[in-house]
Protein backbone atom coordinates (compact mmCIF):
# COMPACT_ATOMS: atom_id res chain seq x y z
CA UNK A 1 6.38 11.38 -8.09
CA UNK A 2 6.50 8.66 -5.37
CA UNK A 3 4.60 7.33 -2.62
CA UNK A 4 4.21 4.80 -0.23
CA UNK A 5 2.21 1.59 -2.48
CA UNK A 6 -0.56 0.49 0.22
CA UNK A 7 -1.13 -3.21 -0.65
CA UNK A 8 -4.66 -2.74 -2.06
CA UNK A 9 -2.99 -0.86 -4.52
CA UNK A 10 -1.58 -3.83 -5.70
CA UNK A 11 -4.39 -5.94 -5.25
CA UNK A 12 -6.97 -3.92 -7.04
CA UNK A 13 -4.23 -3.31 -10.34
CA UNK A 14 -4.27 -7.50 -10.09
CA UNK A 15 -7.40 -8.66 -9.88
CA UNK A 16 -9.12 -7.54 -13.27
CA UNK A 17 -12.70 -7.41 -12.51
CA UNK A 18 -11.79 -5.13 -9.07
CA UNK A 19 -13.88 -1.22 -9.38
CA UNK A 20 -10.74 -0.20 -8.81
CA UNK A 21 -8.69 -1.82 -11.59
CA UNK A 22 -9.39 1.00 -14.17
CA UNK A 23 -7.86 3.17 -11.29
CA UNK A 24 -5.21 1.11 -9.86
CA UNK A 25 -3.68 0.69 -13.10
CA UNK A 26 -2.99 4.68 -13.63
CA UNK A 27 -1.83 4.97 -10.60
CA UNK A 28 0.82 3.17 -10.32
CA UNK A 29 1.92 4.18 -14.16
CA UNK A 30 2.01 7.42 -13.71
CA UNK A 31 4.43 6.91 -10.67
CA UNK A 32 8.75 6.81 -10.78
CA UNK A 33 9.21 5.65 -7.60
CA UNK A 34 7.31 3.36 -5.79
CA UNK A 35 7.95 2.99 -2.12
CA UNK A 36 6.67 -0.54 -0.93
CA UNK A 37 6.74 -1.69 2.73
CA UNK A 38 8.20 -5.38 3.05
CA UNK A 39 4.85 -5.30 5.33
CA UNK A 40 3.34 -4.68 2.06
CA UNK A 41 4.58 -7.47 0.14
CA UNK A 42 3.29 -9.59 2.86
CA UNK A 43 -0.12 -8.09 2.94
CA UNK A 44 -0.54 -8.11 -0.65
CA UNK A 45 0.89 -12.22 -0.31
CA UNK A 46 -2.63 -12.26 2.17
CA UNK A 47 -4.48 -10.86 -0.27
CA UNK A 48 -3.63 -12.83 -3.24
CA UNK A 49 -4.65 -15.99 -1.28
CA UNK A 50 -7.63 -14.82 -0.11
CA UNK A 51 -8.54 -14.24 -4.14
CA UNK A 52 -7.86 -17.73 -4.44
CA UNK A 53 -4.78 -17.13 -6.28
CA UNK A 54 -1.63 -19.95 -6.32
CA UNK A 55 1.42 -19.73 -5.55
CA UNK A 56 2.29 -18.98 -8.96
CA UNK A 57 0.47 -16.85 -9.60
CA UNK A 58 1.45 -15.06 -6.51
CA UNK A 59 4.50 -15.54 -7.02
CA UNK A 60 4.96 -13.84 -10.56
CA UNK A 61 2.65 -10.88 -9.03
CA UNK A 62 5.30 -10.68 -6.33
CA UNK A 63 8.33 -11.02 -8.31
CA UNK A 64 6.26 -7.64 -10.77
CA UNK A 65 6.71 -5.14 -7.63
CA UNK A 66 9.81 -6.28 -6.44
CA UNK A 67 11.53 -5.81 -9.67
CA UNK A 68 10.05 -2.90 -10.69
CA UNK A 69 13.70 -0.06 -11.48
CA UNK A 70 10.09 2.37 -9.76
CA UNK A 71 10.55 -0.92 -6.58
CA UNK A 72 12.18 0.97 -3.44
CA UNK A 73 11.52 -2.01 -1.08
CA UNK A 74 11.42 -0.36 2.18
CA UNK A 75 12.43 -1.46 5.42
CA UNK A 76 10.43 -1.12 7.88
CA UNK A 77 11.65 -2.29 10.84
CA UNK A 78 12.03 2.01 12.15
CA UNK A 79 8.07 2.16 11.74
CA UNK A 80 7.17 -0.79 13.81
CA UNK A 81 7.03 0.51 17.31
CA UNK A 82 5.70 3.77 15.84
CA UNK A 83 3.04 2.01 14.73
CA UNK A 84 1.72 1.12 18.04
CA UNK A 85 1.69 5.38 18.52
CA UNK A 86 -0.15 6.03 15.62
CA UNK A 87 -2.61 3.56 16.46
CA UNK A 88 -4.37 6.20 19.07
CA UNK A 89 -7.57 4.28 20.25
CA UNK A 90 -7.68 1.75 17.37
CA UNK A 91 -7.52 -1.72 17.52
CA UNK A 92 -4.22 -3.89 16.38
CA UNK A 93 -6.32 -4.65 13.48
CA UNK A 94 -5.69 -1.26 11.75
CA UNK A 95 -1.39 -2.09 12.68
CA UNK A 96 -0.05 -2.93 9.28
CA UNK A 97 -2.36 0.01 8.29
CA UNK A 98 -1.06 2.64 10.75
CA UNK A 99 2.89 1.61 10.08
CA UNK A 100 1.86 2.05 6.54
CA UNK A 101 0.61 5.82 7.63
CA UNK A 102 4.41 6.16 10.03
CA UNK A 103 6.03 5.31 6.30
CA UNK A 104 3.84 8.06 4.81
CA UNK A 105 4.12 10.38 6.88
CA UNK A 106 8.30 10.27 6.41
CA UNK A 107 7.62 11.02 2.87
CA UNK A 108 5.08 12.35 2.33
CA UNK A 109 2.64 10.56 -0.43
CA UNK A 110 0.49 8.00 0.26
CA UNK A 111 -1.51 5.45 -2.72
CA UNK A 112 -4.35 3.85 -1.06
CA UNK A 113 -7.73 3.24 -1.27
CA UNK A 114 -8.61 2.13 2.25
CA UNK A 115 -11.03 5.29 2.96
CA UNK A 116 -10.25 5.23 7.15
CA UNK A 117 -6.14 4.66 5.95
CA UNK A 118 -7.04 7.79 3.80
CA UNK A 119 -9.08 10.62 6.90
CA UNK A 120 -6.06 9.21 8.79
CA UNK A 121 -3.31 9.70 6.57
CA UNK A 122 -5.14 13.13 6.02
CA UNK A 123 -4.81 14.14 9.05
CA UNK A 124 -1.50 13.46 9.13
CA UNK A 125 -1.25 16.41 6.46
CA UNK A 126 0.13 13.70 3.51
CA UNK A 127 -0.31 13.80 0.23
CA UNK A 128 -3.50 11.37 -0.99
CA UNK A 129 -3.48 9.52 -4.20
CA UNK A 130 -6.04 8.45 -5.95
CA UNK A 131 -6.94 12.95 -4.80
CA UNK A 132 -10.12 11.63 -5.30
CA UNK A 133 -11.99 7.91 -4.57
CA UNK A 134 -15.28 7.74 -6.30
């Protein structure tokens, strides 16, 4: 099974003492295809910076994502405008999630721990992974 992967899945998998570390590790290892929008790579690096990762640590983790044979890097340019359509009455703060949501809408499955994004994806009938977030 393949899924669009939100940045928080990679972040939780990378941070061993994070709340969803074990779940995220299980999730990414259970998928045979990782659909990764380029915007997710940028957001992941930005969050690594906020979490105190140094350049080499961040680069190593991004290399693991990019060169994993399961990774399908998505050129998300086609969804940049659709992201605005999916914003509806939300602020621009939700734009990146809206682009990810546009891709998930096409693919049909989204892997994320973000509860607001999960609610929005559910309204578009996207399958959600993990199925339940505690």
